[in-house]
């Protein structure tokens, strides 16, 4: 199942990618539906029935057309997660640590893919 928070993140992301990014990043309805399916598979693989906003970090690998688009998607998802008032301080610390680590590894040229 896809909770309302994830649907809201998708809606906001689409608007952000088309209106705020330069050059705009177009994502078709078909690709968004495929991304929802991807997140449902990821949730199921993690042993849960509901997609989490944290699963949306996978979208950086599924959206975008040019080099650098993945960073825009990732940053939007991290910013959106950070704005959620229901998160605990520990969850925010984990999200912040992930973002900082990923940025540092990306800048150093290290391979940031998960083996």
C-alpha atoms as a PDB file:
ATOM      1  CA  UNK A   1       0.000   0.000   0.000  1.00  0.00           C
ATOM      2  CA  UNK A   2       1.144   3.542  -0.725  1.00  0.00           C
ATOM      3  CA  UNK A   3       0.467   5.948   2.164  1.00  0.00           C
ATOM      4  CA  UNK A   4      -0.711   9.515   1.652  1.00  0.00           C
ATOM      5  CA  UNK A   5       2.698  10.918   2.660  1.00  0.00           C
ATOM      6  CA  UNK A   6       4.359   9.082  -0.251  1.00  0.00           C
ATOM      7  CA  UNK A   7       1.657  10.220  -2.697  1.00  0.00           C
ATOM      8  CA  UNK A   8       2.149  13.812  -1.516  1.00  0.00           C
ATOM      9  CA  UNK A   9       5.911  13.451  -1.982  1.00  0.00           C
ATOM     10  CA  UNK A  10       5.362  12.237  -5.562  1.00  0.00           C
ATOM     11  CA  UNK A  11       3.018  15.125  -6.375  1.00  0.00           C
ATOM     12  CA  UNK A  12       5.398  17.677  -4.905  1.00  0.00           C
ATOM     13  CA  UNK A  13       8.393  16.109  -6.627  1.00  0.00           C
ATOM     14  CA  UNK A  14       6.761  16.216 -10.027  1.00  0.00           C
ATOM     15  CA  UNK A  15       5.923  19.893  -9.619  1.00  0.00           C
ATOM     16  CA  UNK A  16       9.423  20.644  -8.315  1.00  0.00           C
ATOM     17  CA  UNK A  17      11.209  18.785 -11.122  1.00  0.00           C
ATOM     18  CA  UNK A  18       9.158  20.491 -13.832  1.00  0.00           C
ATOM     19  CA  UNK A  19       8.888  23.994 -12.368  1.00  0.00           C
ATOM     20  CA  UNK A  20      11.909  24.569 -10.138  1.00  0.00           C
ATOM     21  CA  UNK A  21      14.737  22.635 -11.798  1.00  0.00           C
ATOM     22  CA  UNK A  22      16.809  24.133 -14.582  1.00  0.00           C
ATOM     23  CA  UNK A  23      16.634  22.549 -17.077  1.00  0.00           C
ATOM     24  CA  UNK A  24      13.216  21.087 -16.207  1.00  0.00           C
ATOM     25  CA  UNK A  25      13.041  17.348 -15.643  1.00  0.00           C
ATOM     26  CA  UNK A  26       9.998  15.798 -17.298  1.00  0.00           C
ATOM     27  CA  UNK A  27       8.674  12.567 -15.830  1.00  0.00           C
ATOM     28  CA  UNK A  28       5.798  10.876 -17.629  1.00  0.00           C
ATOM     29  CA  UNK A  29       2.744   9.426 -15.899  1.00  0.00           C
ATOM     30  CA  UNK A  30       3.877   6.001 -17.054  1.00  0.00           C
ATOM     31  CA  UNK A  31       7.283   6.369 -15.396  1.00  0.00           C
ATOM     32  CA  UNK A  32       5.690   7.583 -12.158  1.00  0.00           C
ATOM     33  CA  UNK A  33       3.445   4.493 -12.127  1.00  0.00           C
ATOM     34  CA  UNK A  34       6.510   2.306 -12.686  1.00  0.00           C
ATOM     35  CA  UNK A  35       8.247   4.096  -9.812  1.00  0.00           C
ATOM     36  CA  UNK A  36       5.300   3.359  -7.515  1.00  0.00           C
ATOM     37  CA  UNK A  37       5.569  -0.302  -8.491  1.00  0.00           C
ATOM     38  CA  UNK A  38       9.322  -0.197  -7.801  1.00  0.00           C
ATOM     39  CA  UNK A  39       8.720   1.198  -4.314  1.00  0.00           C
ATOM     40  CA  UNK A  40       6.073  -1.449  -3.610  1.00  0.00           C
ATOM     41  CA  UNK A  41       8.534  -4.179  -4.583  1.00  0.00           C
ATOM     42  CA  UNK A  42      11.210  -2.581  -2.372  1.00  0.00           C
ATOM     43  CA  UNK A  43       8.818  -2.470   0.581  1.00  0.00           C
ATOM     44  CA  UNK A  44       7.821  -6.086   0.033  1.00  0.00           C
ATOM     45  CA  UNK A  45      11.491  -7.106  -0.210  1.00  0.00           C
ATOM     46  CA  UNK A  46      12.018  -5.414   3.168  1.00  0.00           C
ATOM     47  CA  UNK A  47       9.210  -7.496   4.640  1.00  0.00           C
ATOM     48  CA  UNK A  48       6.645  -4.707   5.010  1.00  0.00           C
ATOM     49  CA  UNK A  49       3.384  -4.045   3.218  1.00  0.00           C
ATOM     50  CA  UNK A  50       3.462  -0.258   3.158  1.00  0.00           C
ATOM     51  CA  UNK A  51       5.853   1.922   1.202  1.00  0.00           C
ATOM     52  CA  UNK A  52       7.819   4.322   3.391  1.00  0.00           C
ATOM     53  CA  UNK A  53       8.976   7.820   2.500  1.00  0.00           C
ATOM     54  CA  UNK A  54      12.488   6.442   3.047  1.00  0.00           C
ATOM     55  CA  UNK A  55      11.921   4.050   0.148  1.00  0.00           C
ATOM     56  CA  UNK A  56      11.572   7.140  -2.041  1.00  0.00           C
ATOM     57  CA  UNK A  57      15.350   7.555  -1.878  1.00  0.00           C
ATOM     58  CA  UNK A  58      15.424   4.824  -4.531  1.00  0.00           C
ATOM     59  CA  UNK A  59      13.813   7.264  -6.963  1.00  0.00           C
ATOM     60  CA  UNK A  60      17.163   8.952  -7.569  1.00  0.00           C
ATOM     61  CA  UNK A  61      18.058   5.875  -9.600  1.00  0.00           C
ATOM     62  CA  UNK A  62      14.795   5.790 -11.570  1.00  0.00           C
ATOM     63  CA  UNK A  63      14.088   9.422 -12.454  1.00  0.00           C
ATOM     64  CA  UNK A  64      15.978  11.903 -14.566  1.00  0.00           C
ATOM     65  CA  UNK A  65      17.374  12.053 -18.037  1.00  0.00           C
ATOM     66  CA  UNK A  66      20.730  13.788 -17.677  1.00  0.00           C
ATOM     67  CA  UNK A  67      23.762  13.479 -15.400  1.00  0.00           C
ATOM     68  CA  UNK A  68      23.034  15.379 -12.200  1.00  0.00           C
ATOM     69  CA  UNK A  69      19.283  14.787 -12.285  1.00  0.00           C
ATOM     70  CA  UNK A  70      19.692  12.014  -9.710  1.00  0.00           C
ATOM     71  CA  UNK A  71      21.165  14.519  -7.247  1.00  0.00           C
ATOM     72  CA  UNK A  72      18.157  16.834  -7.694  1.00  0.00           C
ATOM     73  CA  UNK A  73      15.755  13.966  -7.032  1.00  0.00           C
ATOM     74  CA  UNK A  74      17.726  12.764  -3.993  1.00  0.00           C
ATOM     75  CA  UNK A  75      17.933  16.250  -2.531  1.00  0.00           C
ATOM     76  CA  UNK A  76      14.199  16.816  -2.985  1.00  0.00           C
ATOM     77  CA  UNK A  77      13.390  13.524  -1.231  1.00  0.00           C
ATOM     78  CA  UNK A  78      15.765  14.294   1.657  1.00  0.00           C
ATOM     79  CA  UNK A  79      14.330  17.800   2.014  1.00  0.00           C
ATOM     80  CA  UNK A  80      10.781  16.426   1.975  1.00  0.00           C
ATOM     81  CA  UNK A  81      11.570  13.794   4.590  1.00  0.00           C
ATOM     82  CA  UNK A  82      13.203  16.446   6.788  1.00  0.00           C
ATOM     83  CA  UNK A  83      10.045  18.586   6.693  1.00  0.00           C
ATOM     84  CA  UNK A  84       7.839  15.795   8.074  1.00  0.00           C
ATOM     85  CA  UNK A  85       6.799  16.924  11.561  1.00  0.00           C
ATOM     86  CA  UNK A  86       6.056  13.340  12.635  1.00  0.00           C
ATOM     87  CA  UNK A  87       9.681  12.242  12.483  1.00  0.00           C
ATOM     88  CA  UNK A  88      11.593  11.609  15.657  1.00  0.00           C
ATOM     89  CA  UNK A  89      14.936  13.247  16.297  1.00  0.00           C
ATOM     90  CA  UNK A  90      16.688   9.900  15.809  1.00  0.00           C
ATOM     91  CA  UNK A  91      15.103   9.409  12.377  1.00  0.00           C
ATOM     92  CA  UNK A  92      16.184  12.892  11.338  1.00  0.00           C
ATOM     93  CA  UNK A  93      19.722  12.161  12.514  1.00  0.00           C
ATOM     94  CA  UNK A  94      19.847   9.000  10.387  1.00  0.00           C
ATOM     95  CA  UNK A  95      18.532  10.829   7.310  1.00  0.00           C
ATOM     96  CA  UNK A  96      21.030  13.639   7.875  1.00  0.00           C
ATOM     97  CA  UNK A  97      23.915  11.221   8.303  1.00  0.00           C
ATOM     98  CA  UNK A  98      22.949   9.413   5.104  1.00  0.00           C
ATOM     99  CA  UNK A  99      22.789  12.655   3.150  1.00  0.00           C
ATOM    100  CA  UNK A 100      26.100  13.914   4.502  1.00  0.00           C
ATOM    101  CA  UNK A 101      27.868  10.614   3.863  1.00  0.00           C
ATOM    102  CA  UNK A 102      26.495  10.327   0.336  1.00  0.00           C
ATOM    103  CA  UNK A 103      27.558  13.908  -0.460  1.00  0.00           C
ATOM    104  CA  UNK A 104      31.058  13.337   0.896  1.00  0.00           C
ATOM    105  CA  UNK A 105      31.505  10.091  -1.020  1.00  0.00           C
ATOM    106  CA  UNK A 106      30.137  11.615  -4.217  1.00  0.00           C
ATOM    107  CA  UNK A 107      32.549  14.545  -4.009  1.00  0.00           C
ATOM    108  CA  UNK A 108      35.504  12.251  -3.362  1.00  0.00           C
ATOM    109  CA  UNK A 109      34.705  10.206  -6.444  1.00  0.00           C
ATOM    110  CA  UNK A 110      34.094   7.038  -4.446  1.00  0.00           C
ATOM    111  CA  UNK A 111      31.649   4.435  -5.682  1.00  0.00           C
ATOM    112  CA  UNK A 112      28.402   5.083  -3.760  1.00  0.00           C
ATOM    113  CA  UNK A 113      26.507   2.107  -5.122  1.00  0.00           C
ATOM    114  CA  UNK A 114      25.522  -0.686  -2.811  1.00  0.00           C
ATOM    115  CA  UNK A 115      27.217  -3.974  -3.683  1.00  0.00           C
END
